[in-house]
Amino acid sequence: MSLLRGTNSWDPYPFILLNLFLSMLAAIQAPVIMMSQNRQDTKDRLRSELDFDVNRRAESEIQGLARKLNSLGEQMGDLEDLIRGKASGGGGVTAPRQ
């Protein structure tokens, strides 16, 4: 801006000092901000690992429940077959499937 006016001077006194303070403040804040971000990243990584473990355990529980439901469905089908066999004349009674 001083080049447009034709003078060869720096910015007026208060602006140079203000620029110096802002530069020093940025130099002090930058490492603090970086450390804070690294610490938050570590917390987020640990939280995601714990979530993955919980999800894996929940998946195995759900698979176990699905197997139990399938087994109960087969047993109910066997009982229905047994009851129908008795109701229709009681031919040969067989043991339920496993």
PDB file of N, CA and C in Angstrom:
ATOM      1  N   MET A   1       0.820  -1.185   0.000  1.00  0.00           N
ATOM      2  CA  MET A   1       0.000   0.000   0.000  1.00  0.00           C
ATOM      3  C   MET A   1       0.869   1.256   0.000  1.00  0.00           C
ATOM      4  N   SER A   2       1.989   1.144   0.686  1.00  0.00           N
ATOM      5  CA  SER A   2       2.872   2.316   0.723  1.00  0.00           C
ATOM      6  C   SER A   2       3.537   2.546  -0.629  1.00  0.00           C
ATOM      7  N   LEU A   3       3.640   1.487  -1.434  1.00  0.00           N
ATOM      8  CA  LEU A   3       4.229   1.655  -2.762  1.00  0.00           C
ATOM      9  C   LEU A   3       3.307   2.452  -3.677  1.00  0.00           C
ATOM     10  N   LEU A   4       2.002   2.314  -3.490  1.00  0.00           N
ATOM     11  CA  LEU A   4       1.056   3.074  -4.308  1.00  0.00           C
ATOM     12  C   LEU A   4       1.094   4.559  -3.990  1.00  0.00           C
ATOM     13  N   ARG A   5       1.384   4.887  -2.751  1.00  0.00           N
ATOM     14  CA  ARG A   5       1.437   6.299  -2.361  1.00  0.00           C
ATOM     15  C   ARG A   5       2.740   6.962  -2.798  1.00  0.00           C
ATOM     16  N   GLY A   6       3.679   6.134  -3.187  1.00  0.00           N
ATOM     17  CA  GLY A   6       4.942   6.709  -3.630  1.00  0.00           C
ATOM     18  C   GLY A   6       5.937   6.899  -2.505  1.00  0.00           C
ATOM     19  N   THR A   7       5.627   6.440  -1.311  1.00  0.00           N
ATOM     20  CA  THR A   7       6.567   6.570  -0.191  1.00  0.00           C
ATOM     21  C   THR A   7       7.221   5.226   0.053  1.00  0.00           C
ATOM     22  N   ASN A   8       8.307   5.244   0.707  1.00  0.00           N
ATOM     23  CA  ASN A   8       9.067   4.033   0.965  1.00  0.00           C
ATOM     24  C   ASN A   8       9.065   3.734   2.463  1.00  0.00           C
ATOM     25  N   SER A   9       7.897   3.770   3.084  1.00  0.00           N
ATOM     26  CA  SER A   9       7.826   3.581   4.538  1.00  0.00           C
ATOM     27  C   SER A   9       7.040   2.307   4.879  1.00  0.00           C
ATOM     28  N   TRP A  10       7.223   1.884   6.101  1.00  0.00           N
ATOM     29  CA  TRP A  10       6.457   0.746   6.612  1.00  0.00           C
ATOM     30  C   TRP A  10       5.070   1.211   6.998  1.00  0.00           C
ATOM     31  N   ASP A  11       4.250   0.252   7.440  1.00  0.00           N
ATOM     32  CA  ASP A  11       2.928   0.633   7.951  1.00  0.00           C
ATOM     33  C   ASP A  11       3.112   1.461   9.216  1.00  0.00           C
ATOM     34  N   PRO A  12       2.133   2.273   9.555  1.00  0.00           N
ATOM     35  CA  PRO A  12       2.242   3.106  10.768  1.00  0.00           C
ATOM     36  C   PRO A  12       2.460   2.253  12.019  1.00  0.00           C
ATOM     37  N   TYR A  13       2.937   2.883  13.075  1.00  0.00           N
ATOM     38  CA  TYR A  13       3.380   2.237  14.305  1.00  0.00           C
ATOM     39  C   TYR A  13       2.394   1.223  14.895  1.00  0.00           C
ATOM     40  N   PRO A  14       1.150   1.518  15.162  1.00  0.00           N
ATOM     41  CA  PRO A  14       0.317   0.529  15.863  1.00  0.00           C
ATOM     42  C   PRO A  14       0.090  -0.745  15.042  1.00  0.00           C
ATOM     43  N   PHE A  15       0.096  -0.636  13.725  1.00  0.00           N
ATOM     44  CA  PHE A  15      -0.197  -1.805  12.901  1.00  0.00           C
ATOM     45  C   PHE A  15       0.968  -2.793  12.885  1.00  0.00           C
ATOM     46  N   ILE A  16       2.174  -2.292  12.941  1.00  0.00           N
ATOM     47  CA  ILE A  16       3.342  -3.175  12.999  1.00  0.00           C
ATOM     48  C   ILE A  16       3.325  -3.955  14.309  1.00  0.00           C
ATOM     49  N   LEU A  17       3.041  -3.276  15.398  1.00  0.00           N
ATOM     50  CA  LEU A  17       2.995  -3.922  16.703  1.00  0.00           C
ATOM     51  C   LEU A  17       1.851  -4.937  16.764  1.00  0.00           C
ATOM     52  N   LEU A  18       0.700  -4.586  16.210  1.00  0.00           N
ATOM     53  CA  LEU A  18      -0.439  -5.507  16.186  1.00  0.00           C
ATOM     54  C   LEU A  18      -0.091  -6.758  15.381  1.00  0.00           C
ATOM     55  N   ASN A  19       0.559  -6.612  14.253  1.00  0.00           N
ATOM     56  CA  ASN A  19       0.972  -7.742  13.435  1.00  0.00           C
ATOM     57  C   ASN A  19       1.954  -8.632  14.194  1.00  0.00           C
ATOM     58  N   LEU A  20       2.862  -8.033  14.940  1.00  0.00           N
ATOM     59  CA  LEU A  20       3.821  -8.787  15.740  1.00  0.00           C
ATOM     60  C   LEU A  20       3.102  -9.612  16.811  1.00  0.00           C
ATOM     61  N   PHE A  21       2.160  -9.014  17.506  1.00  0.00           N
ATOM     62  CA  PHE A  21       1.414  -9.736  18.552  1.00  0.00           C
ATOM     63  C   PHE A  21       0.582 -10.878  17.968  1.00  0.00           C
ATOM     64  N   LEU A  22      -0.067 -10.642  16.843  1.00  0.00           N
ATOM     65  CA  LEU A  22      -0.875 -11.690  16.229  1.00  0.00           C
ATOM     66  C   LEU A  22      -0.014 -12.852  15.750  1.00  0.00           C
ATOM     67  N   SER A  23       1.159 -12.556  15.223  1.00  0.00           N
ATOM     68  CA  SER A  23       2.079 -13.610  14.777  1.00  0.00           C
ATOM     69  C   SER A  23       2.569 -14.426  15.964  1.00  0.00           C
ATOM     70  N   MET A  24       2.906 -13.745  17.058  1.00  0.00           N
ATOM     71  CA  MET A  24       3.352 -14.472  18.253  1.00  0.00           C
ATOM     72  C   MET A  24       2.228 -15.326  18.827  1.00  0.00           C
ATOM     73  N   LEU A  25       1.022 -14.813  18.843  1.00  0.00           N
ATOM     74  CA  LEU A  25      -0.123 -15.572  19.350  1.00  0.00           C
ATOM     75  C   LEU A  25      -0.359 -16.820  18.502  1.00  0.00           C
ATOM     76  N   ALA A  26      -0.269 -16.699  17.196  1.00  0.00           N
ATOM     77  CA  ALA A  26      -0.448 -17.854  16.311  1.00  0.00           C
ATOM     78  C   ALA A  26       0.664 -18.879  16.531  1.00  0.00           C
ATOM     79  N   ALA A  27       1.878 -18.422  16.753  1.00  0.00           N
ATOM     80  CA  ALA A  27       3.002 -19.328  16.983  1.00  0.00           C
ATOM     81  C   ALA A  27       2.841 -20.085  18.294  1.00  0.00           C
ATOM     82  N   ILE A  28       2.247 -19.460  19.294  1.00  0.00           N
ATOM     83  CA  ILE A  28       2.026 -20.125  20.584  1.00  0.00           C
ATOM     84  C   ILE A  28       0.837 -21.072  20.518  1.00  0.00           C
ATOM     85  N   GLN A  29      -0.222 -20.693  19.813  1.00  0.00           N
ATOM     86  CA  GLN A  29      -1.435 -21.506  19.762  1.00  0.00           C
ATOM     87  C   GLN A  29      -1.291 -22.748  18.889  1.00  0.00           C
ATOM     88  N   ALA A  30      -0.500 -22.700  17.856  1.00  0.00           N
ATOM     89  CA  ALA A  30      -0.403 -23.811  16.907  1.00  0.00           C
ATOM     90  C   ALA A  30       0.007 -25.123  17.564  1.00  0.00           C
ATOM     91  N   PRO A  31       1.059 -25.175  18.374  1.00  0.00           N
ATOM     92  CA  PRO A  31       1.407 -26.460  19.001  1.00  0.00           C
ATOM     93  C   PRO A  31       0.338 -26.967  19.967  1.00  0.00           C
ATOM     94  N   VAL A  32      -0.296 -26.061  20.667  1.00  0.00           N
ATOM     95  CA  VAL A  32      -1.349 -26.462  21.613  1.00  0.00           C
ATOM     96  C   VAL A  32      -2.516 -27.085  20.855  1.00  0.00           C
ATOM     97  N   ILE A  33      -2.904 -26.496  19.757  1.00  0.00           N
ATOM     98  CA  ILE A  33      -4.008 -27.027  18.951  1.00  0.00           C
ATOM     99  C   ILE A  33      -3.643 -28.388  18.382  1.00  0.00           C
ATOM    100  N   MET A  34      -2.426 -28.548  17.910  1.00  0.00           N
ATOM    101  CA  MET A  34      -1.993 -29.835  17.348  1.00  0.00           C
ATOM    102  C   MET A  34      -1.987 -30.927  18.408  1.00  0.00           C
ATOM    103  N   MET A  35      -1.507 -30.602  19.618  1.00  0.00           N
ATOM    104  CA  MET A  35      -1.509 -31.599  20.696  1.00  0.00           C
ATOM    105  C   MET A  35      -2.926 -32.000  21.062  1.00  0.00           C
ATOM    106  N   SER A  36      -3.823 -31.044  21.095  1.00  0.00           N
ATOM    107  CA  SER A  36      -5.210 -31.340  21.415  1.00  0.00           C
ATOM    108  C   SER A  36      -5.840 -32.242  20.365  1.00  0.00           C
ATOM    109  N   GLN A  37      -5.562 -31.996  19.099  1.00  0.00           N
ATOM    110  CA  GLN A  37      -6.106 -32.825  18.031  1.00  0.00           C
ATOM    111  C   GLN A  37      -5.547 -34.239  18.094  1.00  0.00           C
ATOM    112  N   ASN A  38      -4.269 -34.395  18.401  1.00  0.00           N
ATOM    113  CA  ASN A  38      -3.678 -35.723  18.515  1.00  0.00           C
ATOM    114  C   ASN A  38      -4.295 -36.498  19.668  1.00  0.00           C
ATOM    115  N   ARG A  39      -4.528 -35.836  20.781  1.00  0.00           N
ATOM    116  CA  ARG A  39      -5.136 -36.505  21.925  1.00  0.00           C
ATOM    117  C   ARG A  39      -6.563 -36.934  21.605  1.00  0.00           C
ATOM    118  N   GLN A  40      -7.319 -36.091  20.929  1.00  0.00           N
ATOM    119  CA  GLN A  40      -8.682 -36.437  20.544  1.00  0.00           C
ATOM    120  C   GLN A  40      -8.679 -37.590  19.554  1.00  0.00           C
ATOM    121  N   ASP A  41      -7.714 -37.621  18.640  1.00  0.00           N
ATOM    122  CA  ASP A  41      -7.606 -38.710  17.679  1.00  0.00           C
ATOM    123  C   ASP A  41      -7.368 -40.037  18.394  1.00  0.00           C
ATOM    124  N   THR A  42      -6.528 -40.031  19.424  1.00  0.00           N
ATOM    125  CA  THR A  42      -6.264 -41.244  20.199  1.00  0.00           C
ATOM    126  C   THR A  42      -7.529 -41.721  20.892  1.00  0.00           C
ATOM    127  N   LYS A  43      -8.282 -40.795  21.470  1.00  0.00           N
ATOM    128  CA  LYS A  43      -9.540 -41.158  22.136  1.00  0.00           C
ATOM    129  C   LYS A  43     -10.534 -41.742  21.138  1.00  0.00           C
ATOM    130  N   ASP A  44     -10.634 -41.128  19.962  1.00  0.00           N
ATOM    131  CA  ASP A  44     -11.566 -41.616  18.944  1.00  0.00           C
ATOM    132  C   ASP A  44     -11.189 -43.009  18.458  1.00  0.00           C
ATOM    133  N   ARG A  45      -9.885 -43.262  18.291  1.00  0.00           N
ATOM    134  CA  ARG A  45      -9.438 -44.584  17.845  1.00  0.00           C
ATOM    135  C   ARG A  45      -9.771 -45.641  18.895  1.00  0.00           C
ATOM    136  N   LEU A  46      -9.542 -45.345  20.172  1.00  0.00           N
ATOM    137  CA  LEU A  46      -9.861 -46.288  21.243  1.00  0.00           C
ATOM    138  C   LEU A  46     -11.358 -46.549  21.302  1.00  0.00           C
ATOM    139  N   ARG A  47     -12.156 -45.485  21.152  1.00  0.00           N
ATOM    140  CA  ARG A  47     -13.609 -45.640  21.190  1.00  0.00           C
ATOM    141  C   ARG A  47     -14.096 -46.506  20.028  1.00  0.00           C
ATOM    142  N   SER A  48     -13.502 -46.334  18.853  1.00  0.00           N
ATOM    143  CA  SER A  48     -13.930 -47.141  17.705  1.00  0.00           C
ATOM    144  C   SER A  48     -13.529 -48.601  17.881  1.00  0.00           C
ATOM    145  N   GLU A  49     -12.372 -48.864  18.495  1.00  0.00           N
ATOM    146  CA  GLU A  49     -11.981 -50.252  18.761  1.00  0.00           C
ATOM    147  C   GLU A  49     -12.935 -50.905  19.755  1.00  0.00           C
ATOM    148  N   LEU A  50     -13.337 -50.169  20.786  1.00  0.00           N
ATOM    149  CA  LEU A  50     -14.285 -50.714  21.755  1.00  0.00           C
ATOM    150  C   LEU A  50     -15.647 -50.965  21.106  1.00  0.00           C
ATOM    151  N   ASP A  51     -16.092 -50.052  20.260  1.00  0.00           N
ATOM    152  CA  ASP A  51     -17.359 -50.250  19.543  1.00  0.00           C
ATOM    153  C   ASP A  51     -17.301 -51.486  18.659  1.00  0.00           C
ATOM    154  N   PHE A  52     -16.158 -51.713  18.002  1.00  0.00           N
ATOM    155  CA  PHE A  52     -16.014 -52.887  17.154  1.00  0.00           C
ATOM    156  C   PHE A  52     -16.117 -54.166  17.976  1.00  0.00           C
ATOM    157  N   ASP A  53     -15.476 -54.191  19.154  1.00  0.00           N
ATOM    158  CA  ASP A  53     -15.556 -55.372  20.017  1.00  0.00           C
ATOM    159  C   ASP A  53     -16.987 -55.631  20.476  1.00  0.00           C
ATOM    160  N   VAL A  54     -17.695 -54.582  20.857  1.00  0.00           N
ATOM    161  CA  VAL A  54     -19.083 -54.737  21.295  1.00  0.00           C
ATOM    162  C   VAL A  54     -19.949 -55.244  20.148  1.00  0.00           C
ATOM    163  N   ASN A  55     -19.750 -54.707  18.956  1.00  0.00           N
ATOM    164  CA  ASN A  55     -20.534 -55.144  17.800  1.00  0.00           C
ATOM    165  C   ASN A  55     -20.252 -56.599  17.450  1.00  0.00           C
ATOM    166  N   ARG A  56     -18.995 -57.017  17.592  1.00  0.00           N
ATOM    167  CA  ARG A  56     -18.650 -58.410  17.297  1.00  0.00           C
ATOM    168  C   ARG A  56     -19.313 -59.356  18.298  1.00  0.00           C
ATOM    169  N   ARG A  57     -19.306 -58.973  19.589  1.00  0.00           N
ATOM    170  CA  ARG A  57     -19.980 -59.809  20.592  1.00  0.00           C
ATOM    171  C   ARG A  57     -21.482 -59.847  20.347  1.00  0.00           C
ATOM    172  N   ALA A  58     -22.065 -58.717  20.005  1.00  0.00           N
ATOM    173  CA  ALA A  58     -23.503 -58.677  19.741  1.00  0.00           C
ATOM    174  C   ALA A  58     -23.853 -59.549  18.540  1.00  0.00           C
ATOM    175  N   GLU A  59     -23.003 -59.544  17.523  1.00  0.00           N
ATOM    176  CA  GLU A  59     -23.259 -60.379  16.347  1.00  0.00           C
ATOM    177  C   GLU A  59     -23.238 -61.862  16.714  1.00  0.00           C
ATOM    178  N   SER A  60     -22.288 -62.276  17.553  1.00  0.00           N
ATOM    179  CA  SER A  60     -22.238 -63.691  17.939  1.00  0.00           C
ATOM    180  C   SER A  60     -23.449 -64.060  18.784  1.00  0.00           C
ATOM    181  N   GLU A  61     -23.913 -63.152  19.633  1.00  0.00           N
ATOM    182  CA  GLU A  61     -25.131 -63.416  20.419  1.00  0.00           C
ATOM    183  C   GLU A  61     -26.347 -63.563  19.502  1.00  0.00           C
ATOM    184  N   ILE A  62     -26.441 -62.709  18.510  1.00  0.00           N
ATOM    185  CA  ILE A  62     -27.570 -62.768  17.574  1.00  0.00           C
ATOM    186  C   ILE A  62     -27.538 -64.069  16.784  1.00  0.00           C
ATOM    187  N   GLN A  63     -26.349 -64.506  16.384  1.00  0.00           N
ATOM    188  CA  GLN A  63     -26.246 -65.773  15.663  1.00  0.00           C
ATOM    189  C   GLN A  63     -26.659 -66.943  16.542  1.00  0.00           C
ATOM    190  N   GLY A  64     -26.278 -66.902  17.825  1.00  0.00           N
ATOM    191  CA  GLY A  64     -26.700 -67.950  18.759  1.00  0.00           C
ATOM    192  C   GLY A  64     -28.210 -67.974  18.931  1.00  0.00           C
ATOM    193  N   LEU A  65     -28.815 -66.807  19.040  1.00  0.00           N
ATOM    194  CA  LEU A  65     -30.274 -66.741  19.164  1.00  0.00           C
ATOM    195  C   LEU A  65     -30.963 -67.249  17.907  1.00  0.00           C
ATOM    196  N   ALA A  66     -30.396 -66.946  16.754  1.00  0.00           N
ATOM    197  CA  ALA A  66     -30.980 -67.431  15.496  1.00  0.00           C
ATOM    198  C   ALA A  66     -30.915 -68.951  15.431  1.00  0.00           C
ATOM    199  N   ARG A  67     -29.801 -69.543  15.874  1.00  0.00           N
ATOM    200  CA  ARG A  67     -29.705 -71.012  15.893  1.00  0.00           C
ATOM    201  C   ARG A  67     -30.732 -71.616  16.833  1.00  0.00           C
ATOM    202  N   LYS A  68     -30.914 -70.987  18.011  1.00  0.00           N
ATOM    203  CA  LYS A  68     -31.914 -71.495  18.960  1.00  0.00           C
ATOM    204  C   LYS A  68     -33.316 -71.401  18.373  1.00  0.00           C
ATOM    205  N   LEU A  69     -33.617 -70.298  17.703  1.00  0.00           N
ATOM    206  CA  LEU A  69     -34.946 -70.152  17.086  1.00  0.00           C
ATOM    207  C   LEU A  69     -35.163 -71.197  15.992  1.00  0.00           C
ATOM    208  N   ASN A  70     -34.141 -71.450  15.190  1.00  0.00           N
ATOM    209  CA  ASN A  70     -34.262 -72.477  14.156  1.00  0.00           C
ATOM    210  C   ASN A  70     -34.480 -73.843  14.773  1.00  0.00           C
ATOM    211  N   SER A  71     -33.779 -74.138  15.866  1.00  0.00           N
ATOM    212  CA  SER A  71     -33.944 -75.417  16.552  1.00  0.00           C
ATOM    213  C   SER A  71     -35.352 -75.544  17.124  1.00  0.00           C
ATOM    214  N   LEU A  72     -35.848 -74.473  17.731  1.00  0.00           N
ATOM    215  CA  LEU A  72     -37.210 -74.507  18.270  1.00  0.00           C
ATOM    216  C   LEU A  72     -38.241 -74.676  17.157  1.00  0.00           C
ATOM    217  N   GLY A  73     -38.010 -74.043  16.026  1.00  0.00           N
ATOM    218  CA  GLY A  73     -38.929 -74.203  14.894  1.00  0.00           C
ATOM    219  C   GLY A  73     -38.961 -75.641  14.398  1.00  0.00           C
ATOM    220  N   GLU A  74     -37.785 -76.268  14.331  1.00  0.00           N
ATOM    221  CA  GLU A  74     -37.745 -77.671  13.909  1.00  0.00           C
ATOM    222  C   GLU A  74     -38.446 -78.569  14.917  1.00  0.00           C
ATOM    223  N   GLN A  75     -38.248 -78.311  16.202  1.00  0.00           N
ATOM    224  CA  GLN A  75     -38.906 -79.110  17.230  1.00  0.00           C
ATOM    225  C   GLN A  75     -40.419 -78.937  17.174  1.00  0.00           C
ATOM    226  N   MET A  76     -40.874 -77.717  16.922  1.00  0.00           N
ATOM    227  CA  MET A  76     -42.322 -77.494  16.802  1.00  0.00           C
ATOM    228  C   MET A  76     -42.864 -78.231  15.582  1.00  0.00           C
ATOM    229  N   GLY A  77     -42.103 -78.224  14.491  1.00  0.00           N
ATOM    230  CA  GLY A  77     -42.541 -78.974  13.304  1.00  0.00           C
ATOM    231  C   GLY A  77     -42.628 -80.455  13.589  1.00  0.00           C
ATOM    232  N   ASP A  78     -41.654 -80.993  14.345  1.00  0.00           N
ATOM    233  CA  ASP A  78     -41.695 -82.407  14.719  1.00  0.00           C
ATOM    234  C   ASP A  78     -42.908 -82.704  15.580  1.00  0.00           C
ATOM    235  N   LEU A  79     -43.229 -81.814  16.523  1.00  0.00           N
ATOM    236  CA  LEU A  79     -44.398 -82.023  17.378  1.00  0.00           C
ATOM    237  C   LEU A  79     -45.695 -81.970  16.563  1.00  0.00           C
ATOM    238  N   GLU A  80     -45.742 -81.042  15.603  1.00  0.00           N
ATOM    239  CA  GLU A  80     -46.931 -80.971  14.742  1.00  0.00           C
ATOM    240  C   GLU A  80     -47.095 -82.257  13.953  1.00  0.00           C
ATOM    241  N   ASP A  81     -45.999 -82.786  13.423  1.00  0.00           N
ATOM    242  CA  ASP A  81     -46.064 -84.051  12.685  1.00  0.00           C
ATOM    243  C   ASP A  81     -46.528 -85.183  13.589  1.00  0.00           C
ATOM    244  N   LEU A  82     -46.032 -85.216  14.819  1.00  0.00           N
ATOM    245  CA  LEU A  82     -46.419 -86.245  15.776  1.00  0.00           C
ATOM    246  C   LEU A  82     -47.900 -86.144  16.111  1.00  0.00           C
ATOM    247  N   ILE A  83     -48.370 -84.932  16.351  1.00  0.00           N
ATOM    248  CA  ILE A  83     -49.799 -84.728  16.683  1.00  0.00           C
ATOM    249  C   ILE A  83     -50.666 -85.090  15.493  1.00  0.00           C
ATOM    250  N   ARG A  84     -50.288 -84.710  14.290  1.00  0.00           N
ATOM    251  CA  ARG A  84     -51.070 -85.057  13.107  1.00  0.00           C
ATOM    252  C   ARG A  84     -51.100 -86.571  12.891  1.00  0.00           C
ATOM    253  N   GLY A  85     -49.974 -87.228  13.182  1.00  0.00           N
ATOM    254  CA  GLY A  85     -49.928 -88.689  13.039  1.00  0.00           C
ATOM    255  C   GLY A  85     -50.872 -89.369  14.004  1.00  0.00           C
ATOM    256  N   LYS A  86     -50.942 -88.893  15.228  1.00  0.00           N
ATOM    257  CA  LYS A  86     -51.853 -89.474  16.217  1.00  0.00           C
ATOM    258  C   LYS A  86     -53.299 -89.168  15.865  1.00  0.00           C
ATOM    259  N   ALA A  87     -53.534 -87.955  15.375  1.00  0.00           N
ATOM    260  CA  ALA A  87     -54.905 -87.567  15.063  1.00  0.00           C
ATOM    261  C   ALA A  87     -55.426 -88.302  13.840  1.00  0.00           C
ATOM    262  N   SER A  88     -54.553 -88.654  12.908  1.00  0.00           N
ATOM    263  CA  SER A  88     -55.029 -89.282  11.687  1.00  0.00           C
ATOM    264  C   SER A  88     -55.096 -90.799  11.807  1.00  0.00           C
ATOM    265  N   GLY A  89     -54.724 -91.393  12.863  1.00  0.00           N
ATOM    266  CA  GLY A  89     -54.839 -92.831  12.989  1.00  0.00           C
ATOM    267  C   GLY A  89     -53.720 -93.424  13.799  1.00  0.00           C
ATOM    268  N   GLY A  90     -52.758 -92.648  14.071  1.00  0.00           N
ATOM    269  CA  GLY A  90     -51.701 -93.088  14.958  1.00  0.00           C
ATOM    270  C   GLY A  90     -50.851 -94.184  14.387  1.00  0.00           C
ATOM    271  N   GLY A  91     -50.456 -94.106  13.155  1.00  0.00           N
ATOM    272  CA  GLY A  91     -49.591 -95.103  12.535  1.00  0.00           C
ATOM    273  C   GLY A  91     -48.309 -95.260  13.318  1.00  0.00           C
ATOM    274  N   GLY A  92     -47.219 -95.188  12.673  1.00  0.00           N
ATOM    275  CA  GLY A  92     -45.933 -95.340  13.340  1.00  0.00           C
ATOM    276  C   GLY A  92     -45.486 -94.040  13.962  1.00  0.00           C
ATOM    277  N   VAL A  93     -45.179 -94.111  15.243  1.00  0.00           N
ATOM    278  CA  VAL A  93     -44.695 -92.935  15.940  1.00  0.00           C
ATOM    279  C   VAL A  93     -43.179 -92.963  15.904  1.00  0.00           C
ATOM    280  N   THR A  94     -42.602 -91.891  15.413  1.00  0.00           N
ATOM    281  CA  THR A  94     -41.146 -91.820  15.321  1.00  0.00           C
ATOM    282  C   THR A  94     -40.623 -90.785  16.300  1.00  0.00           C
ATOM    283  N   ALA A  95     -39.382 -90.921  16.643  1.00  0.00           N
ATOM    284  CA  ALA A  95     -38.757 -89.953  17.540  1.00  0.00           C
ATOM    285  C   ALA A  95     -38.538 -88.632  16.782  1.00  0.00           C
ATOM    286  N   PRO A  96     -38.617 -87.531  17.502  1.00  0.00           N
ATOM    287  CA  PRO A  96     -38.414 -86.222  16.845  1.00  0.00           C
ATOM    288  C   PRO A  96     -37.002 -86.101  16.287  1.00  0.00           C
ATOM    289  N   ARG A  97     -36.890 -85.353  15.171  1.00  0.00           N
ATOM    290  CA  ARG A  97     -35.581 -85.081  14.580  1.00  0.00           C
ATOM    291  C   ARG A  97     -34.765 -84.173  15.484  1.00  0.00           C
ATOM    292  N   GLN A  98     -33.471 -84.241  15.325  1.00  0.00           N
ATOM    293  CA  GLN A  98     -32.622 -83.329  16.112  1.00  0.00           C
ATOM    294  C   GLN A  98     -31.831 -82.461  15.229  1.00  0.00           C
TER     295      GLN A  98
END
